[in-house]
Amino acid sequence: MEQLHFVTEAVPCGGYNIRVVFDTGETGVFDCEYLTTDPYWSGLKNATLFNTARAEYGTIVWDGNIDVAPESVWERSRIAPMLGSGNELKGRKKNRLKR
């Protein structure tokens, strides 16, 4: 079973993208556009609401009691390589980098 990773920072960064930092120290971009096709998240099409995104409770939350599972954020984020570490892919699923 894969370890659960939590979001420690979340900042909207254009379009439906959110820059995230995980408890591992890894940073990445979570593209939320796929969420907007579901009625629960359809309000995120409103830029004002979308831009309320922030990290709370280990995941991304928005005003209006909207959130997304931390597992989804981890699995769907494009992870930025850690500069100089050489460990960018250590312990990560290879298919996470395909987008």
Protein backbone atom coordinates (compact mmCIF):
# COMPACT_ATOMS: atom_id res chain seq x y z
CA MET A 1 0.00 0.00 0.00
CA GLU A 2 1.33 3.40 -1.00
CA GLN A 3 1.86 5.99 1.74
CA LEU A 4 -0.63 8.84 1.91
CA HIS A 5 0.91 12.25 1.20
CA PHE A 6 -0.59 15.50 2.37
CA VAL A 7 -0.73 18.95 0.79
CA THR A 8 1.00 21.59 2.92
CA GLU A 9 0.70 24.54 0.50
CA ALA A 10 -1.70 25.30 -2.34
CA VAL A 11 -1.73 28.43 -4.50
CA PRO A 12 -3.78 29.01 -7.68
CA CYS A 13 -1.40 29.69 -10.57
CA GLY A 14 -3.51 30.29 -13.67
CA GLY A 15 -6.20 28.42 -15.51
CA TYR A 16 -7.39 25.48 -13.42
CA ASN A 17 -3.87 24.90 -12.07
CA ILE A 18 -2.79 24.96 -8.44
CA ARG A 19 0.83 24.91 -7.32
CA VAL A 20 1.11 22.43 -4.48
CA VAL A 21 3.74 21.46 -1.94
CA PHE A 22 3.49 18.05 -0.30
CA ASP A 23 4.65 16.90 3.12
CA THR A 24 7.54 15.20 1.31
CA GLY A 25 8.86 18.61 0.25
CA GLU A 26 8.03 17.87 -3.40
CA THR A 27 6.32 20.60 -5.39
CA GLY A 28 4.08 20.24 -8.37
CA VAL A 29 1.07 21.49 -10.29
CA PHE A 30 -2.39 20.01 -9.87
CA ASP A 31 -4.66 20.58 -12.89
CA CYS A 32 -8.24 20.75 -11.59
CA GLU A 33 -10.00 21.11 -14.92
CA TYR A 34 -11.20 17.49 -14.86
CA LEU A 35 -13.05 18.22 -11.61
CA THR A 36 -15.31 20.85 -13.17
CA THR A 37 -17.28 18.24 -15.14
CA ASP A 38 -18.71 16.83 -11.89
CA PRO A 39 -21.65 18.72 -10.32
CA TYR A 40 -19.92 18.76 -6.88
CA TRP A 41 -16.99 20.76 -8.27
CA SER A 42 -18.76 22.64 -11.08
CA GLY A 43 -18.68 25.85 -9.02
CA LEU A 44 -14.90 25.90 -9.54
CA LYS A 45 -15.57 27.19 -13.05
CA ASN A 46 -16.12 30.54 -11.31
CA ALA A 47 -12.66 32.16 -11.13
CA THR A 48 -13.47 33.99 -7.89
CA LEU A 49 -14.36 30.75 -6.14
CA PHE A 50 -11.48 28.84 -7.74
CA ASN A 51 -8.99 31.41 -6.49
CA THR A 52 -10.00 30.74 -2.87
CA ALA A 53 -8.01 27.48 -3.09
CA ARG A 54 -5.72 26.84 -0.14
CA ALA A 55 -4.17 23.99 1.81
CA GLU A 56 -6.12 22.81 4.86
CA TYR A 57 -6.56 19.42 6.50
CA GLY A 58 -3.79 17.98 4.30
CA THR A 59 -5.50 18.69 1.00
CA ILE A 60 -6.82 21.49 -1.23
CA VAL A 61 -9.98 23.24 -0.08
CA TRP A 62 -12.11 26.05 -1.48
CA ASP A 63 -14.75 28.30 0.03
CA GLY A 64 -18.20 26.72 0.07
CA ASN A 65 -17.09 23.49 1.76
CA ILE A 66 -15.43 22.14 -1.39
CA ASP A 67 -12.36 19.90 -1.23
CA VAL A 68 -10.59 17.13 -3.09
CA ALA A 69 -9.04 13.94 -1.71
CA PRO A 70 -5.30 14.26 -1.01
CA GLU A 71 -4.75 10.97 -2.87
CA SER A 72 -6.17 12.53 -6.04
CA VAL A 73 -3.95 15.58 -5.69
CA TRP A 74 -0.86 13.37 -5.21
CA GLU A 75 -1.69 11.00 -8.08
CA ARG A 76 -2.66 13.71 -10.59
CA SER A 77 -0.03 16.35 -9.88
CA ARG A 78 2.85 16.97 -12.24
CA ILE A 79 5.80 16.90 -9.88
CA ALA A 80 8.63 19.37 -10.42
CA PRO A 81 12.09 17.79 -10.10
CA MET A 82 13.94 18.61 -6.91
CA LEU A 83 16.99 20.53 -8.01
CA GLY A 84 20.26 18.74 -7.46
CA SER A 85 18.87 15.87 -5.40
CA GLY A 86 18.99 13.15 -8.04
CA ASN A 87 16.03 11.49 -6.28
CA GLU A 88 13.21 12.93 -8.41
CA LEU A 89 11.68 9.55 -9.22
CA LYS A 90 12.64 7.56 -6.15
CA GLY A 91 9.58 5.73 -4.89
CA ARG A 92 7.24 7.41 -7.39
CA LYS A 93 4.93 5.78 -9.90
CA LYS A 94 6.37 6.30 -13.37
CA ASN A 95 2.96 6.92 -14.93
CA ARG A 96 2.47 10.00 -12.72
CA LEU A 97 4.88 11.92 -14.94
CA LYS A 98 2.98 11.18 -18.16
CA ARG A 99 0.52 13.92 -19.07
